[in-house]
C-alpha atoms as a PDB file:
ATOM      1  CA  GLY A   1     -28.312  85.695  -8.224  1.00  0.00           C
ATOM      2  CA  GLY A   2     -28.559  87.283  -4.765  1.00  0.00           C
ATOM      3  CA  LEU A   3     -28.474  91.104  -5.570  1.00  0.00           C
ATOM      4  CA  ASN A   4     -28.953  92.658  -9.030  1.00  0.00           C
ATOM      5  CA  LEU A   5     -28.137  96.587  -8.411  1.00  0.00           C
ATOM      6  CA  TYR A   6     -28.493  98.665 -11.516  1.00  0.00           C
ATOM      7  CA  ASP A   7     -28.284 102.724 -10.710  1.00  0.00           C
ATOM      8  CA  THR A   8     -29.131 101.985  -7.315  1.00  0.00           C
ATOM      9  CA  PRO A   9     -27.067 103.130  -4.557  1.00  0.00           C
ATOM     10  CA  ALA A  10     -27.023 100.301  -1.848  1.00  0.00           C
ATOM     11  CA  THR A  11     -25.479 100.187   1.606  1.00  0.00           C
ATOM     12  CA  LEU A  12     -25.100  96.178   3.407  1.00  0.00           C
ATOM     13  CA  ILE A  13     -24.444  95.739   6.686  1.00  0.00           C
ATOM     14  CA  SER A  14     -23.967  92.835   8.774  1.00  0.00           C
ATOM     15  CA  VAL A  15     -25.287  90.963   6.528  1.00  0.00           C
ATOM     16  CA  SER A  16     -24.345  87.335   4.585  1.00  0.00           C
ATOM     17  CA  VAL A  17     -24.823  87.081   0.733  1.00  0.00           C
ATOM     18  CA  SER A  18     -24.423  83.491   0.675  1.00  0.00           C
ATOM     19  CA  HIS A  19     -25.057  80.254  -1.397  1.00  0.00           C
ATOM     20  CA  ASN A  20     -26.468  81.939  -4.285  1.00  0.00           C
ATOM     21  CA  GLN A  21     -26.211  80.589  -8.335  1.00  0.00           C
ATOM     22  CA  SER A  22     -26.508  82.401 -11.452  1.00  0.00           C
ATOM     23  CA  GLU A  23     -26.055  81.886 -14.884  1.00  0.00           C
ATOM     24  CA  ARG A  24     -24.958  85.815 -15.407  1.00  0.00           C
ATOM     25  CA  ASN A  25     -22.336  87.668 -14.159  1.00  0.00           C
ATOM     26  CA  GLY A  26     -22.309  88.483 -10.713  1.00  0.00           C
ATOM     27  CA  SER A  27     -23.502  85.309  -8.541  1.00  0.00           C
ATOM     28  CA  GLY A  28     -23.314  87.330  -5.269  1.00  0.00           C
ATOM     29  CA  ILE A  29     -24.335  90.950  -6.461  1.00  0.00           C
ATOM     30  CA  GLN A  30     -24.196  92.529  -9.799  1.00  0.00           C
ATOM     31  CA  ASN A  31     -23.347  95.955  -9.297  1.00  0.00           C
ATOM     32  CA  TYR A  32     -23.749  98.098 -12.610  1.00  0.00           C
ATOM     33  CA  ARG A  33     -23.470 101.858 -12.601  1.00  0.00           C
ATOM     34  CA  ASN A  34     -24.272 102.225  -9.107  1.00  0.00           C
ATOM     35  CA  THR A  35     -22.109 102.954  -5.994  1.00  0.00           C
ATOM     36  CA  LEU A  36     -21.960  99.380  -3.636  1.00  0.00           C
ATOM     37  CA  THR A  37     -20.964 100.131   0.167  1.00  0.00           C
ATOM     38  CA  PHE A  38     -20.800  97.192   2.468  1.00  0.00           C
ATOM     39  CA  ASP A  39     -19.597  96.676   5.799  1.00  0.00           C
ATOM     40  CA  ARG A  40     -19.047  93.664   7.910  1.00  0.00           C
ATOM     41  CA  VAL A  41     -20.455  91.550   5.091  1.00  0.00           C
ATOM     42  CA  THR A  42     -19.992  87.856   4.407  1.00  0.00           C
ATOM     43  CA  MET A  43     -20.166  86.800   0.755  1.00  0.00           C
ATOM     44  CA  SER A  44     -19.481  83.146   0.674  1.00  0.00           C
ATOM     45  CA  GLY A  45     -20.263  79.972  -1.702  1.00  0.00           C
ATOM     46  CA  ASN A  46     -21.753  81.790  -4.228  1.00  0.00           C
ATOM     47  CA  LEU A  47     -21.735  79.546  -7.221  1.00  0.00           C
ATOM     48  CA  ASN A  48     -21.492  81.279 -11.328  1.00  0.00           C
ATOM     49  CA  ILE A  49     -22.799  78.346 -13.730  1.00  0.00           C
ATOM     50  CA  GLY A  50     -23.345  80.373 -16.594  1.00  0.00           C
ATOM     51  CA  ASN A  51     -20.794  79.687 -19.849  1.00  0.00           C
ATOM     52  CA  SER A  52     -17.982  82.037 -18.778  1.00  0.00           C
ATOM     53  CA  ALA A  53     -19.782  84.345 -16.794  1.00  0.00           C
ATOM     54  CA  ASP A  54     -17.439  86.262 -14.328  1.00  0.00           C
ATOM     55  CA  GLY A  55     -17.891  87.683 -10.743  1.00  0.00           C
ATOM     56  CA  GLY A  56     -17.997  84.746  -8.481  1.00  0.00           C
ATOM     57  CA  GLY A  57     -18.750  87.251  -5.675  1.00  0.00           C
ATOM     58  CA  VAL A  58     -19.369  90.345  -6.929  1.00  0.00           C
ATOM     59  CA  TYR A  59     -19.382  91.673 -10.703  1.00  0.00           C
ATOM     60  CA  ASN A  60     -18.440  95.335 -10.543  1.00  0.00           C
ATOM     61  CA  ASN A  61     -19.390  97.336 -14.039  1.00  0.00           C
ATOM     62  CA  ASP A  62     -19.361 100.881 -14.538  1.00  0.00           C
ATOM     63  CA  GLY A  63     -19.570 101.070 -10.831  1.00  0.00           C
ATOM     64  CA  VAL A  64     -18.032 101.997  -7.165  1.00  0.00           C
ATOM     65  CA  LEU A  65     -17.302  99.311  -4.544  1.00  0.00           C
ATOM     66  CA  ASN A  66     -16.385 100.144  -1.153  1.00  0.00           C
ATOM     67  CA  ALA A  67     -16.406  97.061   0.961  1.00  0.00           C
ATOM     68  CA  SER A  68     -14.792  97.292   4.671  1.00  0.00           C
ATOM     69  CA  ASN A  69     -14.415  94.579   7.553  1.00  0.00           C
ATOM     70  CA  SER A  70     -15.562  91.792   5.058  1.00  0.00           C
ATOM     71  CA  THR A  71     -15.089  88.297   3.726  1.00  0.00           C
ATOM     72  CA  LEU A  72     -15.582  86.722   0.343  1.00  0.00           C
ATOM     73  CA  ASP A  73     -14.612  83.188   0.643  1.00  0.00           C
ATOM     74  CA  HIS A  74     -15.508  79.832  -1.472  1.00  0.00           C
ATOM     75  CA  ASN A  75     -17.280  81.870  -4.540  1.00  0.00           C
ATOM     76  CA  GLU A  76     -16.718  80.404  -8.019  1.00  0.00           C
ATOM     77  CA  THR A  77     -17.205  81.532 -11.274  1.00  0.00           C
ATOM     78  CA  SER A  78     -16.837  79.667 -14.576  1.00  0.00           C
ATOM     79  CA  GLY A  79     -15.212  82.787 -16.055  1.00  0.00           C
ATOM     80  CA  ASN A  80     -13.082  85.194 -14.313  1.00  0.00           C
ATOM     81  CA  GLY A  81     -12.686  86.836 -11.282  1.00  0.00           C
ATOM     82  CA  GLY A  82     -13.700  84.369  -8.363  1.00  0.00           C
ATOM     83  CA  GLY A  83     -14.120  86.746  -5.468  1.00  0.00           C
ATOM     84  CA  ILE A  84     -14.490  90.098  -7.450  1.00  0.00           C
ATOM     85  CA  TYR A  85     -14.524  91.026 -11.411  1.00  0.00           C
ATOM     86  CA  ASN A  86     -13.971  94.749 -11.541  1.00  0.00           C
ATOM     87  CA  THR A  87     -14.203  96.276 -15.000  1.00  0.00           C
ATOM     88  CA  SER A  88     -15.109  98.707 -17.418  1.00  0.00           C
ATOM     89  CA  ASP A  89     -14.643 102.392 -15.511  1.00  0.00           C
ATOM     90  CA  SER A  90     -14.916 100.980 -12.248  1.00  0.00           C
ATOM     91  CA  THR A  91     -13.293 101.571  -8.905  1.00  0.00           C
ATOM     92  CA  SER A  92     -13.231  98.707  -6.016  1.00  0.00           C
ATOM     93  CA  ASN A  93     -11.743 100.322  -2.738  1.00  0.00           C
ATOM     94  CA  LEU A  94     -11.317  97.340   0.016  1.00  0.00           C
ATOM     95  CA  THR A  95     -10.426  98.065   3.455  1.00  0.00           C
ATOM     96  CA  ASN A  96     -10.042  95.275   6.283  1.00  0.00           C
ATOM     97  CA  VAL A  97     -11.104  92.664   3.789  1.00  0.00           C
ATOM     98  CA  THR A  98     -10.240  88.836   3.103  1.00  0.00           C
ATOM     99  CA  LEU A  99     -10.517  87.056  -0.179  1.00  0.00           C
ATOM    100  CA  SER A 100      -9.958  83.228   0.659  1.00  0.00           C
ATOM    101  CA  ALA A 101     -10.494  80.115  -1.289  1.00  0.00           C
ATOM    102  CA  ASN A 102     -12.293  81.980  -4.305  1.00  0.00           C
ATOM    103  CA  ARG A 103     -11.707  80.238  -7.798  1.00  0.00           C
ATOM    104  CA  ALA A 104     -11.975  81.182 -11.277  1.00  0.00           C
ATOM    105  CA  ILE A 105     -10.186  80.661 -14.891  1.00  0.00           C
ATOM    106  CA  HIS A 106      -7.971  83.844 -14.428  1.00  0.00           C
ATOM    107  CA  GLY A 107      -8.124  85.726 -11.342  1.00  0.00           C
ATOM    108  CA  GLY A 108      -9.135  83.089  -8.432  1.00  0.00           C
ATOM    109  CA  GLY A 109      -9.375  86.353  -5.663  1.00  0.00           C
ATOM    110  CA  ILE A 110      -9.608  89.449  -7.878  1.00  0.00           C
ATOM    111  CA  TYR A 111      -9.938  90.064 -11.328  1.00  0.00           C
ATOM    112  CA  ASN A 112      -9.270  93.836 -13.142  1.00  0.00           C
ATOM    113  CA  GLU A 113      -9.801  94.610 -16.575  1.00  0.00           C
ATOM    114  CA  GLU A 114     -10.958  97.720 -18.798  1.00  0.00           C
ATOM    115  CA  SER A 115     -13.681  97.244 -21.335  1.00  0.00           C
ATOM    116  CA  PHE A 116     -12.592  99.902 -23.361  1.00  0.00           C
ATOM    117  CA  SER A 117      -9.432 101.396 -23.846  1.00  0.00           C
ATOM    118  CA  VAL A 118     -10.295 104.599 -22.571  1.00  0.00           C
ATOM    119  CA  ASP A 119     -11.983 103.557 -19.395  1.00  0.00           C
ATOM    120  CA  THR A 120     -10.137 103.218 -15.867  1.00  0.00           C
ATOM    121  CA  SER A 121     -10.407 100.381 -14.142  1.00  0.00           C
ATOM    122  CA  MET A 122      -8.564 100.800 -10.512  1.00  0.00           C
ATOM    123  CA  ILE A 123      -8.312  98.778  -7.633  1.00  0.00           C
ATOM    124  CA  THR A 124      -7.109  99.834  -4.007  1.00  0.00           C
ATOM    125  CA  LEU A 125      -6.205  97.161  -1.285  1.00  0.00           C
ATOM    126  CA  THR A 126      -5.737  98.423   2.224  1.00  0.00           C
ATOM    127  CA  HIS A 127      -5.319  95.763   4.781  1.00  0.00           C
ATOM    128  CA  VAL A 128      -6.328  93.116   2.812  1.00  0.00           C
ATOM    129  CA  THR A 129      -5.801  89.244   2.765  1.00  0.00           C
ATOM    130  CA  VAL A 130      -5.887  87.419  -0.626  1.00  0.00           C
ATOM    131  CA  LYS A 131      -5.405  83.784   0.332  1.00  0.00           C
ATOM    132  CA  ASP A 132      -5.503  80.242  -0.703  1.00  0.00           C
ATOM    133  CA  ASN A 133      -7.456  81.324  -4.008  1.00  0.00           C
ATOM    134  CA  ARG A 134      -7.553  79.201  -7.131  1.00  0.00           C
ATOM    135  CA  ALA A 135      -6.775  79.931 -10.926  1.00  0.00           C
ATOM    136  CA  THR A 136      -4.977  78.992 -14.084  1.00  0.00           C
ATOM    137  CA  SER A 137      -3.450  82.414 -14.222  1.00  0.00           C
ATOM    138  CA  GLY A 138      -3.217  84.823 -11.164  1.00  0.00           C
ATOM    139  CA  SER A 139      -4.650  82.892  -8.659  1.00  0.00           C
ATOM    140  CA  GLY A 140      -4.654  85.723  -6.267  1.00  0.00           C
ATOM    141  CA  LEU A 141      -4.976  88.854  -8.566  1.00  0.00           C
ATOM    142  CA  TYR A 142      -5.222  89.138 -11.974  1.00  0.00           C
ATOM    143  CA  ASN A 143      -4.495  92.578 -13.836  1.00  0.00           C
ATOM    144  CA  GLY A 144      -5.401  93.054 -16.952  1.00  0.00           C
ATOM    145  CA  ASN A 145      -2.626  94.555 -19.630  1.00  0.00           C
ATOM    146  CA  GLY A 146      -4.771  98.125 -20.870  1.00  0.00           C
ATOM    147  CA  ALA A 147      -3.151 101.118 -19.915  1.00  0.00           C
ATOM    148  CA  TYR A 148      -6.114 101.888 -17.672  1.00  0.00           C
ATOM    149  CA  ASN A 149      -5.760  99.036 -15.507  1.00  0.00           C
ATOM    150  CA  LEU A 150      -4.636  99.786 -11.989  1.00  0.00           C
ATOM    151  CA  ILE A 151      -4.019  97.964  -8.954  1.00  0.00           C
ATOM    152  CA  TYR A 152      -2.771  99.754  -5.767  1.00  0.00           C
ATOM    153  CA  LEU A 153      -1.862  97.949  -2.252  1.00  0.00           C
ATOM    154  CA  LYS A 154      -0.999  98.492   0.838  1.00  0.00           C
ATOM    155  CA  ASN A 155      -0.223  96.724   4.169  1.00  0.00           C
ATOM    156  CA  THR A 156      -1.955  93.740   2.262  1.00  0.00           C
ATOM    157  CA  VAL A 157      -0.852  90.366   2.210  1.00  0.00           C
ATOM    158  CA  ILE A 158      -1.189  87.894  -0.816  1.00  0.00           C
ATOM    159  CA  ALA A 159      -0.091  84.488  -0.240  1.00  0.00           C
ATOM    160  CA  ASP A 160      -0.633  80.586  -0.975  1.00  0.00           C
ATOM    161  CA  ASN A 161      -2.646  81.051  -4.097  1.00  0.00           C
ATOM    162  CA  THR A 162      -2.477  78.231  -5.894  1.00  0.00           C
ATOM    163  CA  VAL A 163      -1.458  76.655  -9.552  1.00  0.00           C
ATOM    164  CA  GLY A 164      -1.682  80.306 -11.028  1.00  0.00           C
ATOM    165  CA  GLY A 165       0.733  82.270  -8.779  1.00  0.00           C
ATOM    166  CA  ASN A 166      -0.329  85.102  -6.544  1.00  0.00           C
ATOM    167  CA  CYS A 167      -0.396  87.896  -9.470  1.00  0.00           C
ATOM    168  CA  GLN A 168      -0.568  87.669 -13.078  1.00  0.00           C
ATOM    169  CA  GLY A 169      -0.813  90.106 -16.020  1.00  0.00           C
ATOM    170  CA  LYS A 170       0.265  93.877 -15.938  1.00  0.00           C
ATOM    171  CA  ALA A 171       2.539  94.817 -13.122  1.00  0.00           C
ATOM    172  CA  LEU A 172       1.177  96.250  -9.857  1.00  0.00           C
ATOM    173  CA  THR A 173       0.604 100.277  -9.747  1.00  0.00           C
ATOM    174  CA  ALA A 174       2.249 100.710  -6.728  1.00  0.00           C
ATOM    175  CA  ALA A 175       2.593  98.969  -3.485  1.00  0.00           C
ATOM    176  CA  GLN A 176       3.824  99.957   0.255  1.00  0.00           C
ATOM    177  CA  TYR A 177       4.309  97.606   3.020  1.00  0.00           C
ATOM    178  CA  SER A 178       2.628  94.324   1.228  1.00  0.00           C
ATOM    179  CA  LEU A 179       3.846  90.999   1.125  1.00  0.00           C
ATOM    180  CA  SER A 180       3.865  87.937  -1.338  1.00  0.00           C
ATOM    181  CA  SER A 181       4.480  84.471  -0.758  1.00  0.00           C
ATOM    182  CA  ASP A 182       5.974  84.278  -4.154  1.00  0.00           C
ATOM    183  CA  SER A 183       7.848  86.376  -6.436  1.00  0.00           C
ATOM    184  CA  THR A 184       4.737  86.833  -9.218  1.00  0.00           C
ATOM    185  CA  CYS A 185       3.887  90.153  -7.965  1.00  0.00           C
ATOM    186  CA  ALA A 186       7.021  91.574  -8.538  1.00  0.00           C
ATOM    187  CA  LEU A 187       6.878  93.836  -5.051  1.00  0.00           C
ATOM    188  CA  VAL A 188       9.409  96.265  -5.029  1.00  0.00           C
ATOM    189  CA  GLY A 189      10.231  99.514  -2.814  1.00  0.00           C
ATOM    190  CA  ALA A 190      10.694  99.718   1.064  1.00  0.00           C
ATOM    191  CA  GLY A 191       8.748  97.800   3.329  1.00  0.00           C
ATOM    192  CA  ASN A 192       7.557  95.444   0.733  1.00  0.00           C
ATOM    193  CA  LEU A 193       8.432  91.713   1.249  1.00  0.00           C
ATOM    194  CA  PRO A 194       8.521  89.527  -2.394  1.00  0.00           C
ATOM    195  CA  ASN A 195       8.488  85.704  -2.075  1.00  0.00           C
ATOM    196  CA  THR A 196       8.208  85.633   1.839  1.00  0.00           C
ATOM    197  CA  PRO A 197       5.879  83.075   3.590  1.00  0.00           C
ATOM    198  CA  ALA A 198       3.145  84.712   5.122  1.00  0.00           C
ATOM    199  CA  GLN A 199       2.711  82.142   7.924  1.00  0.00           C
ATOM    200  CA  LEU A 200      -0.797  82.819   8.327  1.00  0.00           C
ATOM    201  CA  PHE A 201      -3.861  80.563  10.240  1.00  0.00           C
ATOM    202  CA  PRO A 202      -6.510  78.782   8.127  1.00  0.00           C
ATOM    203  CA  LEU A 203      -9.710  80.761   7.496  1.00  0.00           C
ATOM    204  CA  ALA A 204     -11.792  80.873  10.976  1.00  0.00           C
ATOM    205  CA  ASN A 205     -13.705  82.782  13.215  1.00  0.00           C
ATOM    206  CA  TYR A 206     -11.284  84.766  15.456  1.00  0.00           C
ATOM    207  CA  GLY A 207     -13.609  87.050  17.178  1.00  0.00           C
ATOM    208  CA  GLY A 208     -14.221  89.559  14.709  1.00  0.00           C
ATOM    209  CA  ALA A 209     -17.117  90.450  12.205  1.00  0.00           C
ATOM    210  CA  THR A 210     -16.333  88.108   9.680  1.00  0.00           C
ATOM    211  CA  ARG A 211     -13.960  85.034   9.411  1.00  0.00           C
ATOM    212  CA  THR A 212     -10.310  86.101   8.604  1.00  0.00           C
ATOM    213  CA  HIS A 213      -6.851  84.232   8.562  1.00  0.00           C
ATOM    214  CA  MET A 214      -4.838  85.261  11.746  1.00  0.00           C
ATOM    215  CA  PRO A 215      -1.163  85.610  11.458  1.00  0.00           C
ATOM    216  CA  SER A 216       0.479  83.092  13.447  1.00  0.00           C
ATOM    217  CA  LEU A 217       3.122  84.468  16.150  1.00  0.00           C
ATOM    218  CA  THR A 218       6.310  84.052  14.079  1.00  0.00           C
ATOM    219  CA  SER A 219       4.574  85.952  10.684  1.00  0.00           C
ATOM    220  CA  PRO A 220       6.231  89.007   9.447  1.00  0.00           C
END
């Protein structure tokens, strides 16, 4: 794969981690017992060809992932978590991040699953776009059913993720001012927009640090 980080805190700024292949977890980056921070990073076209290996883009295991102003697109795995696989007492904090056109069996964009019943696997998405990902179930997000699998959304768009719906698995822990283009994310509460078309343009360079999905003039 691209990077295998073990107990080695790392910061990536304005780089591309792209077109890597691996037979093991984490074709782009495997982050184990480690804090990984990246900003203005493109992670694209990484391919996991192992037998049911997980994490086409990032495999976050017992680690902390802090990602901002970045895009994970067109990553693919034969297992779960096309963009990000978050597991085993891990935390992923994403801010101004786009996950687009990633593919997996479960969790095309993101897969969140505790490995043991006492571990907490937590994901916080703030100003994040999860669009055009594909999986058999949970094409956008898949949240495992364990008690300590937690996903929080704020000002986040989950839209147009095909085949397996936008969300699958355990209900989201909380959501604020977020949108889902179908009803699978079960968004409730003031400010949320369930089953609402996002009306976003295709993934492209619109002048930011990485490619994004720009809202159309009529987007909510």
